[in-house]
Every structure is written in structure tokens, then in C-alpha cells.
């Protein structure tokens, strides 16, 4: 998606350790008009699939998932990273390792929100090592639901996550695939 690539070039910041900060428009301060165009693009890419729900993981994927859900006319469910008192004890769980935070989380979704046979579209802001997305796929399958696809705003194509997810057979669409990032702040995209 050219618009997203242009925005990453303009406002994205490269930090040591292959960190790409896009917090000025995507995952801290949010450009809602850009998210609307991202949601519209995900609708175009997954229009042939019948989607019942969108699933993401807290917190950065929620904004993108919500606006995408408006385009599909379906609800959003998000996997939580901590068990809280207001979540029923009956949950689906998976372990995921966060590249950004360097931590392993148990992600949790209440069983009342994922049902057998439902067709689920996974949405997230980043795909790096793929652990969050693989955890979401595991949750969906644990519920007997069908992960019909995954929409990612930014994929780090130089890391293994995209390949790992594609090996599962999931229809993966990344709107911007970063091929490389330089120490000088340069960002190259795969086309």
C-alpha cells in the first residue's frame, strides 16, 4: 500500500535492534484517516472471504482492527495479555513471545467470544518474528473456528515471521513489507 509506505518513510524512525517506530501515526498517536484507508484495503484484500469476526491482540492492533471491522460490519475480539477479574475462567490461551517487549505472554480470549465454525480474520500492526500471529492462529483453532486470513499493516520481511505464518497455509496480506532498515534511518520496501 503506497500510502502507508510513504507515511513510514516520512514519519517512521529506525532504532538499533531492528526497531521501527511508527508511534506518531499508527500505534500510539493514531491517524484515523490513514487507519480508515488501511481498513478499506483489508476489505478489498479479503472481500472474497466470509468474515464473522476480527481478532487481534492488545494493544497496538486494536485501533486497526476496529476500523477494519467497521468496513466488514463485524465485531472485534482482542486477546488480552493478562487474566483480569472480569474475564470468565473459561478461556482459550496461547503463549506468545513479544519481539518488541522481549517477554513471553499468555494471551487470553474468553470462550464466549470465539465459537466453532466462525470465520476469523486476524489483524495486527506488525509482523516480525510471527509469534503473536501464530498464537492467535492457535487460539482460533482451539475454538474450532477457522482462521481465514491475516492482515498486517507492516511486515518486517527480513525477519522470519512472514515465512512462518505463510507455512501454516493462512492467507497473509501485509500492506507494507520492510525489506531492510539502515543505520542512517533509510527504509527499503519489498514490492
N, C-alpha and C. Protein backbone atom coordinates (compact mmCIF):
# COMPACT_ATOMS: atom_id res chain seq x y z
N UNK A 1 0.86 -1.17 0.00
CA UNK A 1 0.00 0.00 0.00
C UNK A 1 0.91 1.23 0.00
N UNK A 2 0.92 1.90 -1.10
CA UNK A 2 1.84 3.01 -1.31
C UNK A 2 1.67 4.11 -0.26
N UNK A 3 0.45 4.42 0.09
CA UNK A 3 0.20 5.48 1.08
C UNK A 3 0.86 5.15 2.42
N UNK A 4 0.76 3.91 2.85
CA UNK A 4 1.38 3.51 4.11
C UNK A 4 2.90 3.55 4.01
N UNK A 5 3.45 3.07 2.90
CA UNK A 5 4.90 3.12 2.71
C UNK A 5 5.41 4.57 2.76
N UNK A 6 4.68 5.46 2.10
CA UNK A 6 5.09 6.88 2.10
C UNK A 6 5.07 7.44 3.52
N UNK A 7 4.07 7.07 4.28
CA UNK A 7 3.97 7.57 5.65
C UNK A 7 5.09 7.02 6.53
N UNK A 8 5.43 5.74 6.32
CA UNK A 8 6.53 5.14 7.07
C UNK A 8 7.83 5.86 6.73
N UNK A 9 8.07 6.12 5.45
CA UNK A 9 9.28 6.84 5.04
C UNK A 9 9.34 8.23 5.66
N UNK A 10 8.20 8.90 5.69
CA UNK A 10 8.14 10.28 6.17
C UNK A 10 8.27 10.35 7.70
N UNK A 11 7.51 9.51 8.42
CA UNK A 11 7.40 9.66 9.87
C UNK A 11 7.95 8.49 10.68
N UNK A 12 8.31 7.39 10.03
CA UNK A 12 8.87 6.25 10.76
C UNK A 12 10.29 6.55 11.21
N UNK A 13 10.67 5.95 12.34
CA UNK A 13 12.02 6.16 12.87
C UNK A 13 12.66 4.79 13.11
N UNK A 14 13.89 4.65 12.63
CA UNK A 14 14.63 3.41 12.78
C UNK A 14 15.53 3.52 14.00
N UNK A 15 15.47 2.51 14.86
CA UNK A 15 16.29 2.45 16.06
C UNK A 15 17.12 1.17 16.06
N UNK A 16 18.22 1.15 16.79
CA UNK A 16 19.04 -0.07 16.87
C UNK A 16 18.20 -1.28 17.31
N UNK A 17 18.61 -2.45 16.82
CA UNK A 17 17.90 -3.69 17.16
C UNK A 17 16.73 -3.96 16.23
N UNK A 18 16.75 -3.38 15.03
CA UNK A 18 15.68 -3.56 14.04
C UNK A 18 14.32 -3.09 14.55
N UNK A 19 14.33 -1.99 15.29
CA UNK A 19 13.09 -1.40 15.78
C UNK A 19 12.66 -0.30 14.82
N UNK A 20 11.42 -0.37 14.38
CA UNK A 20 10.82 0.66 13.54
C UNK A 20 9.70 1.30 14.34
N UNK A 21 9.89 2.56 14.68
CA UNK A 21 8.86 3.27 15.46
C UNK A 21 7.93 4.01 14.51
N UNK A 22 6.66 3.70 14.64
CA UNK A 22 5.63 4.37 13.85
C UNK A 22 4.55 4.90 14.80
N UNK A 23 5.01 5.25 16.01
CA UNK A 23 4.07 5.65 17.05
C UNK A 23 3.47 7.03 16.84
N UNK A 24 3.97 7.79 15.88
CA UNK A 24 3.38 9.11 15.64
C UNK A 24 2.13 9.04 14.78
N UNK A 25 1.85 7.84 14.19
CA UNK A 25 0.66 7.75 13.33
C UNK A 25 -0.07 6.41 13.39
N UNK A 26 0.56 5.35 13.95
CA UNK A 26 -0.07 4.04 13.86
C UNK A 26 -0.37 3.37 15.19
N UNK A 27 0.52 3.47 16.17
CA UNK A 27 0.28 2.67 17.36
C UNK A 27 0.52 3.38 18.70
N UNK A 28 0.52 4.69 18.69
CA UNK A 28 0.49 5.45 19.96
C UNK A 28 -0.42 6.66 19.71
N UNK A 29 0.02 7.55 18.87
CA UNK A 29 -0.87 8.55 18.29
C UNK A 29 -1.36 7.94 16.99
N UNK A 30 -2.66 8.03 16.75
CA UNK A 30 -3.23 7.31 15.61
C UNK A 30 -3.83 8.28 14.60
N UNK A 31 -3.42 8.13 13.35
CA UNK A 31 -4.00 8.87 12.24
C UNK A 31 -5.22 8.07 11.77
N UNK A 32 -6.39 8.50 12.20
CA UNK A 32 -7.62 7.75 11.94
C UNK A 32 -7.95 7.71 10.46
N UNK A 33 -7.64 8.74 9.72
CA UNK A 33 -7.89 8.72 8.26
C UNK A 33 -7.03 7.65 7.59
N UNK A 34 -5.78 7.55 8.02
CA UNK A 34 -4.91 6.50 7.48
C UNK A 34 -5.46 5.12 7.85
N UNK A 35 -5.86 4.95 9.10
CA UNK A 35 -6.43 3.67 9.52
C UNK A 35 -7.68 3.32 8.72
N UNK A 36 -8.48 4.32 8.39
CA UNK A 36 -9.67 4.07 7.58
C UNK A 36 -9.27 3.53 6.21
N UNK A 37 -8.21 4.09 5.63
CA UNK A 37 -7.76 3.60 4.32
C UNK A 37 -7.15 2.20 4.44
N UNK A 38 -6.49 1.93 5.57
CA UNK A 38 -5.96 0.59 5.82
C UNK A 38 -7.12 -0.40 5.93
N UNK A 39 -8.16 -0.04 6.67
CA UNK A 39 -9.33 -0.91 6.81
C UNK A 39 -10.01 -1.16 5.47
N UNK A 40 -10.09 -0.13 4.66
CA UNK A 40 -10.68 -0.27 3.33
C UNK A 40 -9.85 -1.22 2.46
N UNK A 41 -8.53 -1.13 2.58
CA UNK A 41 -7.65 -2.01 1.81
C UNK A 41 -7.79 -3.46 2.29
N UNK A 42 -7.89 -3.68 3.60
CA UNK A 42 -8.09 -5.04 4.09
C UNK A 42 -9.43 -5.59 3.60
N UNK A 43 -10.46 -4.77 3.53
CA UNK A 43 -11.74 -5.21 2.99
C UNK A 43 -11.57 -5.64 1.53
N UNK A 44 -10.84 -4.86 0.76
CA UNK A 44 -10.60 -5.21 -0.64
C UNK A 44 -9.85 -6.54 -0.75
N UNK A 45 -8.83 -6.72 0.09
CA UNK A 45 -7.99 -7.92 0.01
C UNK A 45 -8.69 -9.19 0.49
N UNK A 46 -9.63 -9.04 1.43
CA UNK A 46 -10.30 -10.21 1.99
C UNK A 46 -11.80 -10.23 1.65
N UNK A 47 -12.21 -9.48 0.64
CA UNK A 47 -13.63 -9.37 0.28
C UNK A 47 -14.24 -10.72 -0.11
N UNK A 48 -13.45 -11.60 -0.68
CA UNK A 48 -13.97 -12.89 -1.13
C UNK A 48 -14.21 -13.86 0.04
N UNK A 49 -13.65 -13.54 1.20
CA UNK A 49 -13.82 -14.41 2.37
C UNK A 49 -15.02 -13.93 3.18
N UNK A 50 -15.79 -14.88 3.67
CA UNK A 50 -16.89 -14.50 4.56
C UNK A 50 -16.29 -14.41 5.96
N UNK A 51 -16.29 -13.21 6.51
CA UNK A 51 -15.68 -12.95 7.82
C UNK A 51 -16.78 -12.77 8.85
N UNK A 52 -16.69 -13.53 9.96
CA UNK A 52 -17.65 -13.38 11.06
C UNK A 52 -17.14 -12.45 12.15
N UNK A 53 -15.83 -12.49 12.40
CA UNK A 53 -15.24 -11.66 13.45
C UNK A 53 -13.80 -11.33 13.08
N UNK A 54 -13.32 -10.27 13.68
CA UNK A 54 -11.91 -9.91 13.57
C UNK A 54 -11.28 -10.11 14.94
N UNK A 55 -10.10 -10.73 14.95
CA UNK A 55 -9.37 -10.98 16.19
C UNK A 55 -8.01 -10.29 16.10
N UNK A 56 -7.63 -9.63 17.18
CA UNK A 56 -6.31 -9.01 17.29
C UNK A 56 -5.79 -9.26 18.70
N UNK A 57 -4.64 -8.69 18.98
CA UNK A 57 -4.03 -8.83 20.29
C UNK A 57 -3.82 -7.43 20.86
N UNK A 58 -4.01 -7.28 22.17
CA UNK A 58 -3.81 -5.94 22.73
C UNK A 58 -2.34 -5.57 22.69
N UNK A 59 -2.00 -4.33 22.57
CA UNK A 59 -2.90 -3.21 22.49
C UNK A 59 -2.82 -2.55 21.11
N UNK A 60 -1.67 -2.62 20.46
CA UNK A 60 -1.47 -1.83 19.25
C UNK A 60 -2.34 -2.24 18.07
N UNK A 61 -2.82 -3.45 18.03
CA UNK A 61 -3.65 -3.88 16.91
C UNK A 61 -5.11 -3.48 17.02
N UNK A 62 -5.53 -3.02 18.20
CA UNK A 62 -6.95 -2.77 18.42
C UNK A 62 -7.50 -1.68 17.52
N UNK A 63 -6.80 -0.58 17.40
CA UNK A 63 -7.29 0.52 16.55
C UNK A 63 -7.49 0.09 15.11
N UNK A 64 -6.48 -0.58 14.55
CA UNK A 64 -6.57 -1.04 13.16
C UNK A 64 -7.71 -2.05 13.02
N UNK A 65 -7.82 -2.96 13.98
CA UNK A 65 -8.88 -3.98 13.92
C UNK A 65 -10.27 -3.35 13.98
N UNK A 66 -10.44 -2.35 14.84
CA UNK A 66 -11.76 -1.72 14.98
C UNK A 66 -12.19 -1.02 13.70
N UNK A 67 -11.29 -0.28 13.11
CA UNK A 67 -11.67 0.44 11.88
C UNK A 67 -11.87 -0.55 10.74
N UNK A 68 -11.06 -1.60 10.69
CA UNK A 68 -11.26 -2.63 9.66
C UNK A 68 -12.61 -3.30 9.86
N UNK A 69 -12.98 -3.56 11.10
CA UNK A 69 -14.27 -4.19 11.40
C UNK A 69 -15.44 -3.34 10.94
N UNK A 70 -15.29 -2.02 11.02
CA UNK A 70 -16.36 -1.15 10.51
C UNK A 70 -16.59 -1.40 9.03
N UNK A 71 -15.52 -1.61 8.28
CA UNK A 71 -15.66 -1.86 6.84
C UNK A 71 -16.31 -3.21 6.57
N UNK A 72 -16.03 -4.20 7.41
CA UNK A 72 -16.62 -5.53 7.24
C UNK A 72 -18.01 -5.65 7.88
N UNK A 73 -18.32 -4.76 8.83
CA UNK A 73 -19.59 -4.85 9.55
C UNK A 73 -19.63 -6.01 10.52
N UNK A 74 -18.49 -6.31 11.16
CA UNK A 74 -18.40 -7.42 12.11
C UNK A 74 -17.78 -6.94 13.42
N UNK A 75 -17.94 -7.72 14.50
CA UNK A 75 -17.33 -7.33 15.78
C UNK A 75 -15.83 -7.64 15.82
N UNK A 76 -15.16 -7.00 16.78
CA UNK A 76 -13.75 -7.23 17.06
C UNK A 76 -13.63 -7.91 18.41
N UNK A 77 -12.76 -8.90 18.48
CA UNK A 77 -12.37 -9.52 19.74
C UNK A 77 -10.87 -9.28 19.86
N UNK A 78 -10.41 -8.94 21.06
CA UNK A 78 -8.96 -8.85 21.21
C UNK A 78 -8.48 -9.74 22.33
N UNK A 79 -7.37 -10.41 22.05
CA UNK A 79 -6.74 -11.27 23.04
C UNK A 79 -6.05 -10.40 24.07
N UNK A 80 -6.29 -10.69 25.33
CA UNK A 80 -5.67 -9.94 26.42
C UNK A 80 -4.38 -10.63 26.83
N UNK A 81 -3.47 -9.81 27.36
CA UNK A 81 -2.17 -10.34 27.80
C UNK A 81 -2.15 -10.68 29.29
N UNK A 82 -3.22 -10.35 29.99
CA UNK A 82 -3.29 -10.69 31.41
C UNK A 82 -4.71 -11.12 31.75
N UNK A 83 -4.82 -12.07 32.65
CA UNK A 83 -6.12 -12.50 33.15
C UNK A 83 -6.62 -11.44 34.13
N UNK A 84 -7.82 -10.98 33.95
CA UNK A 84 -8.40 -10.00 34.86
C UNK A 84 -9.62 -10.60 35.53
N UNK A 85 -10.10 -9.94 36.57
CA UNK A 85 -11.24 -10.46 37.33
C UNK A 85 -12.52 -10.53 36.51
N UNK A 86 -12.62 -9.67 35.49
CA UNK A 86 -13.87 -9.65 34.72
C UNK A 86 -13.87 -10.59 33.52
N UNK A 87 -12.82 -11.41 33.38
CA UNK A 87 -12.81 -12.44 32.33
C UNK A 87 -13.20 -13.75 32.99
N UNK A 88 -14.16 -14.43 32.38
CA UNK A 88 -14.58 -15.73 32.90
C UNK A 88 -13.39 -16.69 32.94
N UNK A 89 -13.48 -17.67 33.79
CA UNK A 89 -12.39 -18.63 33.92
C UNK A 89 -12.27 -19.53 32.70
N UNK A 90 -13.33 -19.61 31.90
CA UNK A 90 -13.36 -20.47 30.73
C UNK A 90 -12.77 -19.71 29.53
N UNK A 91 -11.48 -19.93 29.28
CA UNK A 91 -10.78 -19.14 28.26
C UNK A 91 -9.93 -20.04 27.36
N UNK A 92 -9.63 -19.51 26.19
CA UNK A 92 -8.61 -20.10 25.33
C UNK A 92 -7.32 -19.34 25.63
N UNK A 93 -6.20 -20.05 25.69
CA UNK A 93 -4.92 -19.39 25.95
C UNK A 93 -3.86 -19.91 24.99
N UNK A 94 -2.86 -19.07 24.77
CA UNK A 94 -1.68 -19.45 23.99
C UNK A 94 -0.52 -18.62 24.51
N UNK A 95 0.66 -19.16 24.42
CA UNK A 95 1.86 -18.42 24.82
C UNK A 95 2.44 -17.75 23.59
N UNK A 96 2.81 -16.47 23.73
CA UNK A 96 3.46 -15.75 22.64
C UNK A 96 4.63 -14.95 23.19
N UNK A 97 5.65 -14.85 22.36
CA UNK A 97 6.81 -14.05 22.72
C UNK A 97 6.75 -12.74 21.94
N UNK A 98 6.85 -11.63 22.64
CA UNK A 98 6.82 -10.32 22.00
C UNK A 98 8.23 -9.90 21.61
N UNK A 99 8.42 -9.65 20.31
CA UNK A 99 9.72 -9.16 19.83
C UNK A 99 10.03 -7.80 20.45
N UNK A 100 9.04 -6.92 20.45
CA UNK A 100 9.24 -5.55 20.93
C UNK A 100 9.55 -5.51 22.42
N UNK A 101 8.83 -6.29 23.20
CA UNK A 101 8.97 -6.22 24.66
C UNK A 101 9.95 -7.26 25.22
N UNK A 102 10.32 -8.24 24.40
CA UNK A 102 11.24 -9.27 24.87
C UNK A 102 10.67 -10.09 26.02
N UNK A 103 9.35 -10.31 26.01
CA UNK A 103 8.68 -11.06 27.08
C UNK A 103 7.80 -12.14 26.46
N UNK A 104 7.53 -13.16 27.28
CA UNK A 104 6.57 -14.19 26.89
C UNK A 104 5.27 -13.90 27.64
N UNK A 105 4.16 -13.88 26.89
CA UNK A 105 2.84 -13.60 27.46
C UNK A 105 1.95 -14.81 27.25
N UNK A 106 1.00 -14.99 28.18
CA UNK A 106 -0.14 -15.85 27.92
C UNK A 106 -1.22 -14.94 27.37
N UNK A 107 -1.64 -15.18 26.13
CA UNK A 107 -2.75 -14.40 25.61
C UNK A 107 -4.04 -15.17 25.88
N UNK A 108 -5.10 -14.41 26.13
CA UNK A 108 -6.34 -14.99 26.64
C UNK A 108 -7.53 -14.43 25.87
N UNK A 109 -8.44 -15.31 25.48
CA UNK A 109 -9.73 -14.91 24.91
C UNK A 109 -10.80 -15.75 25.59
N UNK A 110 -11.83 -15.09 26.09
CA UNK A 110 -12.94 -15.79 26.71
C UNK A 110 -13.64 -16.68 25.68
N UNK A 111 -13.99 -17.89 26.10
CA UNK A 111 -14.64 -18.83 25.20
C UNK A 111 -16.00 -18.33 24.70
N UNK A 112 -16.57 -17.36 25.40
CA UNK A 112 -17.88 -16.86 24.94
C UNK A 112 -17.78 -16.02 23.66
N UNK A 113 -16.55 -15.65 23.25
CA UNK A 113 -16.40 -14.78 22.08
C UNK A 113 -15.83 -15.45 20.85
N UNK A 114 -15.39 -16.69 20.95
CA UNK A 114 -14.94 -17.46 19.77
C UNK A 114 -15.69 -18.78 19.76
N UNK A 115 -16.32 -19.09 18.61
CA UNK A 115 -17.18 -20.28 18.53
C UNK A 115 -16.79 -21.17 17.36
N UNK A 116 -17.05 -22.46 17.48
CA UNK A 116 -16.76 -23.39 16.39
C UNK A 116 -17.42 -22.94 15.09
N UNK A 117 -16.66 -23.03 14.01
CA UNK A 117 -17.18 -22.71 12.68
C UNK A 117 -17.10 -21.25 12.30
N UNK A 118 -16.87 -20.36 13.25
CA UNK A 118 -16.76 -18.94 12.90
C UNK A 118 -15.52 -18.71 12.04
N UNK A 119 -15.66 -17.79 11.11
CA UNK A 119 -14.57 -17.45 10.19
C UNK A 119 -13.91 -16.16 10.70
N UNK A 120 -12.65 -16.28 11.06
CA UNK A 120 -11.96 -15.21 11.77
C UNK A 120 -10.85 -14.61 10.90
N UNK A 121 -10.85 -13.29 10.82
CA UNK A 121 -9.77 -12.54 10.18
C UNK A 121 -8.89 -11.96 11.28
N UNK A 122 -7.61 -12.25 11.23
CA UNK A 122 -6.65 -11.75 12.20
C UNK A 122 -6.06 -10.44 11.67
N UNK A 123 -5.97 -9.45 12.55
CA UNK A 123 -5.42 -8.14 12.16
C UNK A 123 -4.40 -7.73 13.21
N UNK A 124 -3.26 -7.18 12.74
CA UNK A 124 -2.27 -6.65 13.69
C UNK A 124 -1.46 -5.55 13.01
N UNK A 125 -0.75 -4.79 13.85
CA UNK A 125 0.03 -3.68 13.30
C UNK A 125 1.35 -4.15 12.72
N UNK A 126 2.05 -5.06 13.40
CA UNK A 126 3.37 -5.52 12.96
C UNK A 126 3.45 -7.03 12.89
N UNK A 127 4.28 -7.50 11.99
CA UNK A 127 4.67 -8.91 11.92
C UNK A 127 6.19 -8.93 11.84
N UNK A 128 6.82 -9.47 12.87
CA UNK A 128 8.29 -9.55 12.91
C UNK A 128 8.68 -11.03 12.97
N UNK A 129 8.69 -11.58 14.16
CA UNK A 129 9.05 -12.99 14.31
C UNK A 129 7.84 -13.92 14.20
N UNK A 130 6.65 -13.36 14.21
CA UNK A 130 5.44 -14.13 13.95
C UNK A 130 4.79 -14.78 15.15
N UNK A 131 5.36 -14.62 16.33
CA UNK A 131 4.84 -15.35 17.48
C UNK A 131 3.44 -14.91 17.90
N UNK A 132 3.15 -13.62 17.85
CA UNK A 132 1.81 -13.15 18.22
C UNK A 132 0.77 -13.71 17.25
N UNK A 133 1.07 -13.64 15.97
CA UNK A 133 0.12 -14.13 14.97
C UNK A 133 -0.06 -15.64 15.07
N UNK A 134 1.02 -16.37 15.29
CA UNK A 134 0.90 -17.83 15.46
C UNK A 134 0.09 -18.17 16.71
N UNK A 135 0.24 -17.38 17.77
CA UNK A 135 -0.58 -17.57 18.97
C UNK A 135 -2.05 -17.33 18.71
N UNK A 136 -2.35 -16.30 17.93
CA UNK A 136 -3.75 -16.02 17.58
C UNK A 136 -4.33 -17.15 16.72
N UNK A 137 -3.55 -17.66 15.80
CA UNK A 137 -4.00 -18.78 14.97
C UNK A 137 -4.31 -19.99 15.87
N UNK A 138 -3.44 -20.24 16.84
CA UNK A 138 -3.67 -21.35 17.78
C UNK A 138 -4.96 -21.15 18.56
N UNK A 139 -5.21 -19.92 19.03
CA UNK A 139 -6.46 -19.64 19.77
C UNK A 139 -7.68 -19.92 18.90
N UNK A 140 -7.65 -19.45 17.68
CA UNK A 140 -8.78 -19.63 16.76
C UNK A 140 -9.04 -21.12 16.54
N UNK A 141 -7.97 -21.85 16.28
CA UNK A 141 -8.13 -23.29 16.03
C UNK A 141 -8.58 -24.03 17.28
N UNK A 142 -8.12 -23.59 18.45
CA UNK A 142 -8.56 -24.20 19.71
C UNK A 142 -10.06 -24.06 19.90
N UNK A 143 -10.60 -22.98 19.39
CA UNK A 143 -12.04 -22.73 19.50
C UNK A 143 -12.84 -23.50 18.46
N UNK A 144 -12.17 -24.15 17.54
CA UNK A 144 -12.87 -24.81 16.44
C UNK A 144 -13.31 -23.84 15.38
N UNK A 145 -12.80 -22.61 15.47
CA UNK A 145 -13.10 -21.59 14.47
C UNK A 145 -12.07 -21.69 13.34
N UNK A 146 -12.26 -20.91 12.29
CA UNK A 146 -11.42 -21.01 11.09
C UNK A 146 -10.67 -19.71 10.88
N UNK A 147 -9.33 -19.75 10.96
CA UNK A 147 -8.56 -18.55 10.65
C UNK A 147 -8.47 -18.40 9.13
N UNK A 148 -9.30 -17.51 8.57
CA UNK A 148 -9.37 -17.42 7.11
C UNK A 148 -8.30 -16.52 6.52
N UNK A 149 -7.70 -15.68 7.35
CA UNK A 149 -6.66 -14.80 6.82
C UNK A 149 -6.08 -13.94 7.91
N UNK A 150 -4.99 -13.26 7.55
CA UNK A 150 -4.33 -12.34 8.47
C UNK A 150 -3.93 -11.10 7.69
N UNK A 151 -4.32 -9.95 8.22
CA UNK A 151 -3.97 -8.67 7.63
C UNK A 151 -3.00 -7.95 8.55
N UNK A 152 -1.86 -7.59 8.02
CA UNK A 152 -0.81 -6.94 8.79
C UNK A 152 -0.52 -5.59 8.16
N UNK A 153 -0.42 -4.56 8.98
CA UNK A 153 -0.07 -3.24 8.44
C UNK A 153 1.38 -3.25 7.96
N UNK A 154 2.33 -3.64 8.83
CA UNK A 154 3.75 -3.59 8.49
C UNK A 154 4.40 -4.92 8.82
N UNK A 155 4.97 -5.54 7.81
CA UNK A 155 5.73 -6.79 7.99
C UNK A 155 7.22 -6.47 7.86
N UNK A 156 8.01 -6.99 8.77
CA UNK A 156 9.47 -6.90 8.65
C UNK A 156 9.90 -8.12 7.84
N UNK A 157 10.04 -7.93 6.54
CA UNK A 157 10.33 -9.03 5.62
C UNK A 157 11.68 -9.67 5.84
N UNK A 158 12.56 -9.01 6.55
CA UNK A 158 13.90 -9.55 6.82
C UNK A 158 13.91 -10.43 8.07
N UNK A 159 12.77 -10.58 8.73
CA UNK A 159 12.65 -11.49 9.86
C UNK A 159 11.76 -12.65 9.45
N UNK A 160 11.77 -13.71 10.24
CA UNK A 160 11.17 -14.97 9.81
C UNK A 160 9.66 -15.08 9.97
N UNK A 161 9.00 -14.12 10.60
CA UNK A 161 7.58 -14.26 10.90
C UNK A 161 6.69 -14.48 9.70
N UNK A 162 6.88 -13.72 8.65
CA UNK A 162 6.04 -13.86 7.46
C UNK A 162 6.12 -15.26 6.88
N UNK A 163 7.33 -15.79 6.79
CA UNK A 163 7.51 -17.14 6.25
C UNK A 163 6.87 -18.19 7.15
N UNK A 164 7.03 -18.04 8.47
CA UNK A 164 6.42 -18.99 9.41
C UNK A 164 4.90 -19.00 9.27
N UNK A 165 4.31 -17.83 9.17
CA UNK A 165 2.85 -17.75 9.04
C UNK A 165 2.40 -18.29 7.69
N UNK A 166 3.11 -17.95 6.62
CA UNK A 166 2.73 -18.45 5.30
C UNK A 166 2.81 -19.99 5.24
N UNK A 167 3.74 -20.58 5.99
CA UNK A 167 3.85 -22.04 6.03
C UNK A 167 2.64 -22.71 6.67
N UNK A 168 1.84 -21.97 7.45
CA UNK A 168 0.64 -22.54 8.05
C UNK A 168 -0.50 -22.66 7.05
N UNK A 169 -0.33 -22.03 5.88
CA UNK A 169 -1.38 -22.03 4.87
C UNK A 169 -2.37 -20.88 5.02
N UNK A 170 -2.15 -20.03 6.00
CA UNK A 170 -3.03 -18.87 6.21
C UNK A 170 -2.81 -17.85 5.09
N UNK A 171 -3.89 -17.28 4.59
CA UNK A 171 -3.83 -16.20 3.59
C UNK A 171 -3.33 -14.95 4.31
N UNK A 172 -2.08 -14.58 4.08
CA UNK A 172 -1.46 -13.44 4.74
C UNK A 172 -1.30 -12.29 3.76
N UNK A 173 -1.78 -11.12 4.17
CA UNK A 173 -1.62 -9.90 3.38
C UNK A 173 -0.98 -8.84 4.25
N UNK A 174 0.20 -8.39 3.87
CA UNK A 174 0.88 -7.30 4.57
C UNK A 174 0.87 -6.08 3.67
N UNK A 175 0.45 -4.95 4.21
CA UNK A 175 0.29 -3.74 3.40
C UNK A 175 1.61 -3.07 3.07
N UNK A 176 2.58 -3.20 3.94
CA UNK A 176 3.93 -2.68 3.69
C UNK A 176 4.92 -3.71 4.22
N UNK A 177 5.80 -4.19 3.34
CA UNK A 177 6.81 -5.15 3.76
C UNK A 177 8.16 -4.45 3.72
N UNK A 178 8.73 -4.27 4.90
CA UNK A 178 10.03 -3.63 5.02
C UNK A 178 11.09 -4.68 4.71
N UNK A 179 11.88 -4.42 3.68
CA UNK A 179 12.94 -5.34 3.27
C UNK A 179 14.21 -5.12 4.08
N UNK A 180 14.50 -3.85 4.37
CA UNK A 180 15.69 -3.55 5.16
C UNK A 180 15.56 -2.15 5.77
N UNK A 181 16.32 -1.96 6.85
CA UNK A 181 16.39 -0.65 7.51
C UNK A 181 17.85 -0.36 7.77
N UNK A 182 18.28 0.85 7.42
CA UNK A 182 19.68 1.21 7.58
C UNK A 182 19.92 2.02 8.84
N UNK A 183 21.16 2.00 9.27
CA UNK A 183 21.56 2.79 10.43
C UNK A 183 21.38 4.28 10.21
N UNK A 184 21.29 4.68 8.94
CA UNK A 184 21.08 6.09 8.61
C UNK A 184 19.60 6.46 8.60
N UNK A 185 18.74 5.50 9.01
CA UNK A 185 17.30 5.75 9.04
C UNK A 185 16.59 5.39 7.74
N UNK A 186 17.33 4.90 6.76
CA UNK A 186 16.70 4.53 5.48
C UNK A 186 15.85 3.28 5.64
N UNK A 187 14.79 3.22 4.86
CA UNK A 187 13.87 2.09 4.89
C UNK A 187 13.60 1.68 3.45
N UNK A 188 13.82 0.39 3.14
CA UNK A 188 13.55 -0.13 1.79
C UNK A 188 12.40 -1.12 1.90
N UNK A 189 11.50 -1.07 0.91
CA UNK A 189 10.32 -1.92 0.90
C UNK A 189 10.42 -2.98 -0.19
N UNK A 190 9.80 -4.12 0.06
CA UNK A 190 9.68 -5.20 -0.94
C UNK A 190 8.44 -4.93 -1.78
N UNK A 191 8.60 -5.13 -3.08
CA UNK A 191 7.44 -4.97 -3.99
C UNK A 191 7.26 -6.18 -4.85
